[in-house]
Amino acid sequence: MMMNQILMDSSFVAALNNPKDKYHITARRFVAANGNNKYLLPDIVIPEVAFVLHRTGGALAVVHFLEDMVMSKTQLQSLMLVDIDRAREIKVAYPKAEFDVVDCCIMALSERLNIQQICTYDRRDFAIFRPTHCDYLELLPE
C-alpha cells in the first residue's frame, strides 16, 4: 500500500493539540483512522500554532505541543528560498483573497513536493487556490 504525503496546516495542528477546539475530536479521529499516511508539518506552521495554543491554553499548552512533536517524531518540512519566492507569486496572483503568508508557503510546498492533500480547517483559502501540479488541493478531513 502506498503512503500518501499530507501537509498539515496550522488550523489542523492547533485542533489536534487543543481539547477545547471545536474540531479536536474530528482531527484526532482522522489521524487515528489514517495512520498509514505520512504527515508533514511545515516548519513555518510551528510559531502560528504556538501562538494560538498560548492564547487558548497558556504556556503549558505550548509546552505540551512541543513535547508531543518531539515524542511523536513529527516530520518537519523546511521551506526553501524557492518556496518563499513561489509564496510571493501566489500572494501577488490572488490579491483579493488576502491569503496569509503561512498559507501561501504551504501552497508553494504542495507544488514543489507534488503533494495534493492538505489537512486544514481553513477551507476558504485553500479552496480558492489553483495549484500548478494538480487541478485542486484535496482538503482533509472531509
Protein backbone atom coordinates (compact mmCIF):
# COMPACT_ATOMS: atom_id res chain seq x y z
CA MET A 1 0.00 0.00 0.00
CA MET A 2 1.38 3.40 -0.98
CA MET A 3 1.73 6.02 1.72
CA ASN A 4 0.17 9.41 0.96
CA GLN A 5 2.10 12.52 1.89
CA ILE A 6 -0.12 15.13 3.53
CA LEU A 7 0.83 18.66 4.56
CA MET A 8 -0.66 19.94 7.80
CA ASP A 9 -1.92 23.49 8.18
CA SER A 10 -1.95 25.49 11.42
CA SER A 11 -5.71 25.14 11.91
CA PHE A 12 -5.48 21.34 11.83
CA VAL A 13 -2.43 21.11 14.10
CA ALA A 14 -3.98 23.52 16.60
CA ALA A 15 -7.18 21.46 16.64
CA LEU A 16 -5.19 18.26 17.22
CA ASN A 17 -3.47 19.82 20.21
CA ASN A 18 -6.34 21.72 21.83
CA PRO A 19 -9.08 19.65 23.50
CA LYS A 20 -11.25 22.80 23.62
CA ASP A 21 -11.10 23.30 19.84
CA LYS A 22 -14.39 22.53 18.07
CA TYR A 23 -12.50 20.32 15.58
CA HIS A 24 -10.36 18.47 18.13
CA ILE A 25 -12.30 15.19 18.08
CA THR A 26 -12.64 15.22 14.29
CA ALA A 27 -8.90 15.84 13.86
CA ARG A 28 -7.96 13.09 16.33
CA ARG A 29 -10.32 10.60 14.69
CA PHE A 30 -8.97 11.44 11.25
CA VAL A 31 -5.34 10.82 12.26
CA ALA A 32 -6.28 7.61 14.11
CA ALA A 33 -8.16 6.28 11.08
CA ASN A 34 -5.47 7.35 8.59
CA GLY A 35 -2.26 6.45 10.37
CA ASN A 36 -0.77 4.93 7.23
CA ASN A 37 -0.23 8.41 5.76
CA LYS A 38 2.97 10.44 6.03
CA TYR A 39 2.07 13.73 7.72
CA LEU A 40 4.46 16.61 7.09
CA LEU A 41 4.49 19.67 9.33
CA PRO A 42 5.80 22.75 7.52
CA ASP A 43 8.21 24.44 9.92
CA ILE A 44 6.53 27.79 9.28
CA VAL A 45 3.38 26.45 10.97
CA ILE A 46 5.01 25.99 14.39
CA PRO A 47 5.02 29.65 15.56
CA GLU A 48 1.43 30.16 14.39
CA VAL A 49 0.22 27.04 16.24
CA ALA A 50 2.18 28.03 19.35
CA PHE A 51 0.55 31.47 19.28
CA VAL A 52 -2.96 30.00 19.01
CA LEU A 53 -2.31 27.42 21.73
CA HIS A 54 -0.82 30.02 24.07
CA ARG A 55 -3.83 32.27 23.56
CA THR A 56 -6.29 29.46 24.32
CA GLY A 57 -4.38 27.35 26.84
CA GLY A 58 -1.41 29.33 28.11
CA ALA A 59 2.27 28.45 28.21
CA LEU A 60 1.59 24.88 29.36
CA ALA A 61 -0.39 24.16 26.18
CA VAL A 62 2.59 25.28 24.10
CA VAL A 63 4.95 23.12 26.16
CA HIS A 64 2.70 20.08 25.61
CA PHE A 65 2.55 20.82 21.88
CA LEU A 66 6.36 20.94 21.64
CA GLU A 67 6.71 17.77 23.74
CA ASP A 68 4.18 15.96 21.55
CA MET A 69 6.07 16.97 18.41
CA VAL A 70 9.30 15.51 19.78
CA MET A 71 7.70 12.37 21.24
CA SER A 72 5.76 11.58 18.06
CA LYS A 73 8.81 12.29 15.91
CA THR A 74 6.79 14.69 13.79
CA GLN A 75 8.32 15.01 10.36
CA LEU A 76 9.13 18.67 9.75
CA GLN A 77 9.22 20.07 6.25
CA SER A 78 11.55 23.03 5.82
CA LEU A 79 10.95 25.85 3.42
CA MET A 80 13.46 26.67 0.73
CA LEU A 81 14.01 30.04 -0.93
CA VAL A 82 12.20 28.74 -3.99
CA ASP A 83 9.12 28.20 -1.77
CA ILE A 84 9.35 31.75 -0.43
CA ASP A 85 9.55 33.07 -3.98
CA ARG A 86 6.58 30.95 -5.04
CA ALA A 87 4.64 32.11 -1.94
CA ARG A 88 5.28 35.69 -3.08
CA GLU A 89 3.99 34.84 -6.56
CA ILE A 90 0.84 33.28 -5.07
CA LYS A 91 0.25 36.34 -2.87
CA VAL A 92 0.57 38.61 -5.93
CA ALA A 93 -1.66 36.36 -8.08
CA TYR A 94 -4.53 36.39 -5.54
CA PRO A 95 -4.62 39.97 -4.21
CA LYS A 96 -8.31 39.96 -3.28
CA ALA A 97 -8.10 36.63 -1.45
CA GLU A 98 -5.83 38.06 1.23
CA PHE A 99 -4.03 34.74 1.81
CA ASP A 100 -1.70 34.84 4.80
CA VAL A 101 2.00 34.08 4.34
CA VAL A 102 1.80 30.69 6.08
CA ASP A 103 -0.94 29.50 3.74
CA CYS A 104 1.00 30.75 0.69
CA CYS A 105 4.06 28.84 1.88
CA ILE A 106 2.03 25.65 2.35
CA MET A 107 0.60 26.11 -1.15
CA ALA A 108 4.14 26.53 -2.52
CA LEU A 109 5.36 23.45 -0.63
CA SER A 110 2.48 21.40 -2.03
CA GLU A 111 3.61 22.29 -5.55
CA ARG A 112 7.33 21.66 -5.00
CA LEU A 113 6.75 18.36 -3.21
CA ASN A 114 3.90 17.30 -5.53
CA ILE A 115 1.52 16.87 -2.59
CA GLN A 116 -2.19 17.11 -3.30
CA GLN A 117 -3.64 16.72 0.19
CA ILE A 118 -3.74 19.30 2.99
CA CYS A 119 -5.11 18.77 6.49
CA THR A 120 -6.81 22.07 7.26
CA TYR A 121 -9.94 23.66 8.63
CA ASP A 122 -9.12 26.81 6.64
CA ARG A 123 -11.27 25.77 3.70
CA ARG A 124 -11.73 29.15 2.04
CA ASP A 125 -8.11 29.97 1.20
CA PHE A 126 -7.05 26.51 0.07
CA ALA A 127 -10.25 26.05 -1.97
CA ILE A 128 -9.63 29.30 -3.89
CA PHE A 129 -6.03 28.42 -4.77
CA ARG A 130 -5.36 26.69 -8.11
CA PRO A 131 -2.05 24.79 -7.88
CA THR A 132 0.25 24.18 -10.83
CA HIS A 133 0.73 20.45 -10.16
CA CYS A 134 -2.91 19.34 -9.98
CA ASP A 135 -6.42 20.67 -10.57
CA TYR A 136 -7.08 21.40 -6.89
CA LEU A 137 -5.86 20.53 -3.40
CA GLU A 138 -7.83 17.88 -1.56
CA LEU A 139 -8.77 19.32 1.82
CA LEU A 140 -8.89 16.88 4.70
CA PRO A 141 -10.61 15.81 6.87
CA GLU A 142 -13.64 15.78 4.63
